[in-house]
């Protein structure tokens, strides 16, 4: 009789966290999981790409950090330094 081992659960990143796509070698920011695919985007912005969950691991701190520390605490989906511009008051009529 054979003993079956369960496969380890795939790593589940948090939104805004830096991750490594081991298939492509690219580091990206985790955005969401839709249809079993993780959606990642480049840290500097740009076009998203998808990665299978088994190909996604935490990013090496030497490659740019965990992303969790870089995230804006007010909005975990917004990386630091990417805040919306401050709203401006409407001009008053003279």
N, C-alpha and C. Protein backbone atom coordinates (compact mmCIF):
# COMPACT_ATOMS: atom_id res chain seq x y z
N UNK A 1 0.84 -1.18 0.00
CA UNK A 1 0.00 0.00 0.00
C UNK A 1 0.89 1.24 0.00
N UNK A 2 0.56 2.20 -0.84
CA UNK A 2 1.36 3.43 -0.91
C UNK A 2 0.76 4.49 0.00
N UNK A 3 1.63 5.34 0.45
CA UNK A 3 1.21 6.47 1.29
C UNK A 3 1.23 7.72 0.41
N UNK A 4 0.10 8.38 0.33
CA UNK A 4 0.02 9.59 -0.47
C UNK A 4 0.25 10.80 0.41
N UNK A 5 1.11 11.67 -0.05
CA UNK A 5 1.37 12.93 0.66
C UNK A 5 0.61 14.04 -0.03
N UNK A 6 0.10 14.92 0.78
CA UNK A 6 -0.57 16.09 0.23
C UNK A 6 0.46 17.10 -0.26
N UNK A 7 0.15 17.72 -1.35
CA UNK A 7 1.02 18.78 -1.84
C UNK A 7 0.88 19.98 -0.92
N UNK A 8 1.98 20.67 -0.72
CA UNK A 8 1.94 21.88 0.12
C UNK A 8 1.06 22.92 -0.57
N UNK A 9 0.35 23.67 0.25
CA UNK A 9 -0.51 24.72 -0.29
C UNK A 9 0.34 25.79 -0.97
N UNK A 10 -0.16 26.33 -2.07
CA UNK A 10 0.55 27.38 -2.78
C UNK A 10 0.60 28.63 -1.90
N UNK A 11 1.66 29.39 -2.06
CA UNK A 11 1.84 30.64 -1.32
C UNK A 11 0.73 31.61 -1.74
N UNK A 12 0.09 32.23 -0.76
CA UNK A 12 -0.99 33.19 -1.03
C UNK A 12 -0.52 34.58 -0.62
N UNK A 13 -0.12 35.42 -1.58
CA UNK A 13 0.35 36.77 -1.24
C UNK A 13 -0.79 37.69 -0.84
N UNK A 14 -0.42 38.81 -0.22
CA UNK A 14 -1.38 39.86 0.12
C UNK A 14 -1.37 40.91 -0.99
N UNK A 15 -2.48 41.58 -1.18
CA UNK A 15 -2.57 42.63 -2.19
C UNK A 15 -1.52 43.70 -1.89
N UNK A 16 -0.75 44.08 -2.90
CA UNK A 16 0.28 45.10 -2.76
C UNK A 16 1.65 44.54 -2.40
N UNK A 17 1.74 43.25 -2.19
CA UNK A 17 3.01 42.63 -1.79
C UNK A 17 3.88 42.33 -3.00
N UNK A 18 5.20 42.52 -2.85
CA UNK A 18 6.14 42.17 -3.90
C UNK A 18 6.33 40.66 -3.92
N UNK A 19 6.23 40.09 -5.11
CA UNK A 19 6.38 38.65 -5.29
C UNK A 19 7.28 38.38 -6.48
N UNK A 20 7.77 37.16 -6.54
CA UNK A 20 8.62 36.72 -7.64
C UNK A 20 7.86 35.70 -8.47
N UNK A 21 7.79 35.92 -9.76
CA UNK A 21 7.24 34.94 -10.69
C UNK A 21 8.40 34.06 -11.09
N UNK A 22 8.48 32.85 -10.53
CA UNK A 22 9.64 31.98 -10.75
C UNK A 22 9.70 31.46 -12.18
N UNK A 23 8.59 31.46 -12.89
CA UNK A 23 8.60 31.00 -14.28
C UNK A 23 9.33 31.99 -15.18
N UNK A 24 9.10 33.29 -14.95
CA UNK A 24 9.70 34.32 -15.80
C UNK A 24 10.90 35.00 -15.16
N UNK A 25 11.02 34.88 -13.81
CA UNK A 25 12.10 35.57 -13.10
C UNK A 25 11.79 37.03 -12.82
N UNK A 26 10.58 37.47 -13.10
CA UNK A 26 10.20 38.87 -12.89
C UNK A 26 9.64 39.08 -11.49
N UNK A 27 9.95 40.24 -10.92
CA UNK A 27 9.36 40.64 -9.65
C UNK A 27 8.18 41.54 -9.96
N UNK A 28 7.07 41.31 -9.27
CA UNK A 28 5.88 42.10 -9.51
C UNK A 28 5.11 42.35 -8.24
N UNK A 29 4.12 43.19 -8.33
CA UNK A 29 3.24 43.50 -7.22
C UNK A 29 1.97 42.67 -7.41
N UNK A 30 1.60 41.90 -6.38
CA UNK A 30 0.40 41.08 -6.46
C UNK A 30 -0.82 41.98 -6.42
N UNK A 31 -1.74 41.77 -7.37
CA UNK A 31 -2.95 42.58 -7.47
C UNK A 31 -4.20 41.80 -7.07
N UNK A 32 -4.36 40.56 -7.59
CA UNK A 32 -5.59 39.80 -7.35
C UNK A 32 -5.41 38.40 -7.92
N UNK A 33 -6.34 37.51 -7.57
CA UNK A 33 -6.42 36.19 -8.18
C UNK A 33 -7.79 36.07 -8.82
N UNK A 34 -7.80 35.78 -10.10
CA UNK A 34 -9.04 35.62 -10.85
C UNK A 34 -8.90 34.37 -11.70
N UNK A 35 -9.87 33.47 -11.59
CA UNK A 35 -9.85 32.26 -12.40
C UNK A 35 -8.65 31.38 -12.15
N UNK A 36 -8.13 31.41 -10.94
CA UNK A 36 -6.98 30.57 -10.61
C UNK A 36 -5.64 31.13 -11.02
N UNK A 37 -5.61 32.32 -11.59
CA UNK A 37 -4.36 32.98 -12.00
C UNK A 37 -4.11 34.18 -11.11
N UNK A 38 -2.84 34.36 -10.68
CA UNK A 38 -2.47 35.56 -9.94
C UNK A 38 -2.17 36.66 -10.96
N UNK A 39 -2.68 37.84 -10.70
CA UNK A 39 -2.41 39.00 -11.54
C UNK A 39 -1.33 39.83 -10.86
N UNK A 40 -0.25 40.08 -11.60
CA UNK A 40 0.91 40.83 -11.09
C UNK A 40 1.14 42.01 -12.01
N UNK A 41 1.75 43.05 -11.46
CA UNK A 41 2.14 44.19 -12.30
C UNK A 41 3.56 44.58 -11.95
N UNK A 42 4.29 45.20 -12.86
CA UNK A 42 5.65 45.64 -12.56
C UNK A 42 5.64 46.67 -11.44
N UNK A 43 6.66 46.67 -10.56
CA UNK A 43 6.71 47.65 -9.46
C UNK A 43 6.71 49.09 -9.94
N UNK A 44 7.29 49.35 -11.10
CA UNK A 44 7.35 50.71 -11.62
C UNK A 44 6.12 51.07 -12.43
N UNK A 45 5.15 50.18 -12.49
CA UNK A 45 3.93 50.41 -13.25
C UNK A 45 4.04 49.77 -14.62
N UNK A 46 2.93 49.61 -15.25
CA UNK A 46 2.93 49.01 -16.58
C UNK A 46 1.87 47.93 -16.68
N UNK A 47 1.99 47.14 -17.72
CA UNK A 47 0.99 46.13 -18.04
C UNK A 47 1.07 44.93 -17.09
N UNK A 48 -0.08 44.51 -16.60
CA UNK A 48 -0.15 43.34 -15.73
C UNK A 48 0.13 42.08 -16.52
N UNK A 49 0.53 41.03 -15.80
CA UNK A 49 0.65 39.71 -16.40
C UNK A 49 0.11 38.70 -15.39
N UNK A 50 -0.15 37.50 -15.86
CA UNK A 50 -0.68 36.46 -14.98
C UNK A 50 0.39 35.42 -14.70
N UNK A 51 0.25 34.79 -13.54
CA UNK A 51 1.17 33.73 -13.14
C UNK A 51 0.37 32.66 -12.40
N UNK A 52 0.72 31.42 -12.60
CA UNK A 52 0.10 30.33 -11.86
C UNK A 52 0.53 30.45 -10.40
N UNK A 53 -0.36 30.14 -9.45
CA UNK A 53 -0.01 30.26 -8.03
C UNK A 53 1.24 29.47 -7.64
N UNK A 54 1.47 28.32 -8.26
CA UNK A 54 2.66 27.54 -7.91
C UNK A 54 3.96 28.17 -8.39
N UNK A 55 3.88 29.20 -9.23
CA UNK A 55 5.07 29.90 -9.72
C UNK A 55 5.32 31.21 -8.97
N UNK A 56 4.52 31.51 -7.94
CA UNK A 56 4.65 32.77 -7.22
C UNK A 56 5.19 32.51 -5.82
N UNK A 57 6.27 33.22 -5.48
CA UNK A 57 6.90 33.13 -4.16
C UNK A 57 7.14 34.53 -3.62
N UNK A 58 7.39 34.66 -2.32
CA UNK A 58 7.72 36.00 -1.80
C UNK A 58 8.98 36.53 -2.48
N UNK A 59 9.01 37.83 -2.73
CA UNK A 59 10.19 38.45 -3.34
C UNK A 59 11.33 38.48 -2.34
N UNK A 60 12.52 38.30 -2.83
CA UNK A 60 13.72 38.38 -2.00
C UNK A 60 13.90 39.83 -1.55
N UNK A 61 14.11 40.08 -0.24
CA UNK A 61 14.29 41.46 0.22
C UNK A 61 15.42 42.19 -0.52
N UNK A 62 16.42 41.46 -0.99
CA UNK A 62 17.51 42.09 -1.73
C UNK A 62 17.05 42.58 -3.10
N UNK A 63 15.91 42.04 -3.59
CA UNK A 63 15.39 42.43 -4.89
C UNK A 63 14.33 43.51 -4.81
N UNK A 64 14.19 44.17 -3.68
CA UNK A 64 13.25 45.27 -3.61
C UNK A 64 12.28 45.21 -2.45
N UNK A 65 12.45 44.30 -1.55
CA UNK A 65 11.61 44.29 -0.35
C UNK A 65 10.37 43.46 -0.48
N UNK A 66 9.62 43.46 0.59
CA UNK A 66 8.44 42.61 0.68
C UNK A 66 7.21 43.27 0.11
N UNK A 67 7.25 44.56 -0.11
CA UNK A 67 6.06 45.24 -0.61
C UNK A 67 5.11 45.61 0.51
N UNK A 68 4.97 44.75 1.50
CA UNK A 68 4.07 45.04 2.61
C UNK A 68 4.56 46.28 3.36
N UNK A 69 5.85 46.40 3.52
CA UNK A 69 6.41 47.57 4.21
C UNK A 69 6.34 48.80 3.32
N UNK A 70 6.29 48.60 1.99
CA UNK A 70 6.25 49.71 1.06
C UNK A 70 4.85 50.22 0.81
N UNK A 71 3.85 49.49 1.26
CA UNK A 71 2.48 49.85 0.96
C UNK A 71 2.03 51.05 1.78
N UNK A 72 1.11 51.79 1.22
CA UNK A 72 0.50 52.92 1.92
C UNK A 72 -0.44 52.35 2.98
N UNK A 73 -0.23 52.66 4.27
CA UNK A 73 -1.07 52.06 5.31
C UNK A 73 -2.54 52.43 5.16
N UNK A 74 -2.85 53.56 4.53
CA UNK A 74 -4.24 53.95 4.36
C UNK A 74 -4.92 53.11 3.28
N UNK A 75 -4.15 52.59 2.33
CA UNK A 75 -4.69 51.79 1.24
C UNK A 75 -3.69 50.72 0.87
N UNK A 76 -3.89 49.47 1.32
CA UNK A 76 -2.90 48.43 1.07
C UNK A 76 -2.73 48.09 -0.40
N UNK A 77 -3.64 48.53 -1.26
CA UNK A 77 -3.49 48.25 -2.69
C UNK A 77 -2.65 49.30 -3.39
N UNK A 78 -2.33 50.40 -2.70
CA UNK A 78 -1.57 51.48 -3.33
C UNK A 78 -0.15 51.49 -2.78
N UNK A 79 0.85 51.25 -3.64
CA UNK A 79 2.24 51.31 -3.18
C UNK A 79 2.59 52.71 -2.69
N UNK A 80 3.56 52.79 -1.81
CA UNK A 80 4.01 54.08 -1.28
C UNK A 80 4.49 54.97 -2.42
N UNK A 81 4.26 56.26 -2.27
CA UNK A 81 4.72 57.21 -3.27
C UNK A 81 3.79 57.36 -4.46
N UNK A 82 2.65 56.69 -4.43
CA UNK A 82 1.72 56.77 -5.55
C UNK A 82 0.38 57.32 -5.08
N UNK A 83 0.42 58.26 -4.19
CA UNK A 83 -0.82 58.84 -3.65
C UNK A 83 -1.51 59.68 -4.69
N UNK A 84 -2.81 59.77 -4.58
CA UNK A 84 -3.57 60.63 -5.47
C UNK A 84 -3.21 62.09 -5.16
N UNK A 85 -3.26 62.94 -6.16
CA UNK A 85 -2.98 64.36 -5.88
C UNK A 85 -4.03 64.93 -4.94
N UNK A 86 -3.62 65.92 -4.16
CA UNK A 86 -4.53 66.54 -3.19
C UNK A 86 -5.66 67.23 -3.95
N UNK A 87 -6.89 67.12 -3.44
CA UNK A 87 -7.99 67.80 -4.11
C UNK A 87 -7.81 69.31 -4.01
N UNK A 88 -8.25 70.00 -5.02
CA UNK A 88 -8.14 71.46 -5.01
C UNK A 88 -9.52 72.05 -4.80
N UNK A 89 -9.53 73.17 -4.13
CA UNK A 89 -10.81 73.87 -3.87
C UNK A 89 -11.24 74.57 -5.14
N UNK A 90 -12.54 74.61 -5.40
CA UNK A 90 -13.00 75.32 -6.59
C UNK A 90 -12.67 76.82 -6.48
N UNK A 91 -12.42 77.43 -7.61
CA UNK A 91 -12.10 78.86 -7.63
C UNK A 91 -13.34 79.67 -7.26
N UNK A 92 -13.11 80.71 -6.48
CA UNK A 92 -14.23 81.59 -6.09
C UNK A 92 -14.44 82.66 -7.14
N UNK A 93 -15.70 82.96 -7.39
CA UNK A 93 -16.02 84.05 -8.33
C UNK A 93 -15.79 85.39 -7.64
N UNK A 94 -15.28 86.34 -8.37
CA UNK A 94 -15.00 87.65 -7.79
C UNK A 94 -16.15 88.57 -7.83
